[in-house]
Amino acid sequence: MRIQDRLNRLRNKRGFTLVELMIVVAIIGVLAALAIYGVRKYLTNAKTAEARSALGRISKDAASAWDREQMPGAVLSLGSTATNVRALCAQSSLVPLTLAEVANKKYQSKPADWRDPGWACLRFTMDGPQYFQYQYVLTNSTTFSAEAHGNLDGDTVGSTFAIAGRVQTDTSGESVVTLAPSIAETNPEE
């Protein structure tokens, strides 16, 4: 074998240049940054799904409470009548009481947290740990909203999710509860 052939083989077996290695490191860095952003977005979306799901349940529970028959529990005199009364549930307390209890952490509610008249009327509870603070707000006798407040990253900016509902009467005189078509979201990723 000639010396020239040996030199050519040695040149061909040479490793990567510094520039080639730097390009590979830069590509890996960009991919890692994109992956971190994607995972963070995915986790935040999973956490906010709790609020959306709970608000959907609360608003539907309010509509069901409106449709339940509410009559006096006393015995009626012979020949007397009792009127079926429809009413929205009373306003609930906040669960948990302060937003600090869910700021960048989960809160495990107690069964007693859900026993006030508003939550009892709605028949709504949460058994598992929660990322958000919940409340059912009765604006007046025909308007309500279900709200979730949170602070997923623990900074000074919080997030709010809310869905509104209203009792409306159609042309035939029938009253029904209607809900907003979507949940209003303010700073959902906070």
Foldseek 3Di string as FASTA:
>chain_A
DDPVVVVVVVVVPDDDDPVVVVVVVVVVVVVVVVVVVVVLVVVLVVQLVVVQVQQVLLLVLQQVLQVDFDWDPDDDDPPDDIDGDGWGWAKAAKVVNDQVCLAQHWDQDDPVNQPDRRSVSSVDDDHDTHNWIWIWADPDGFKIKIKTKHHNNNDPDIKMKMKMKGWDADPVRDIGIDIDPGIDIDPSSD
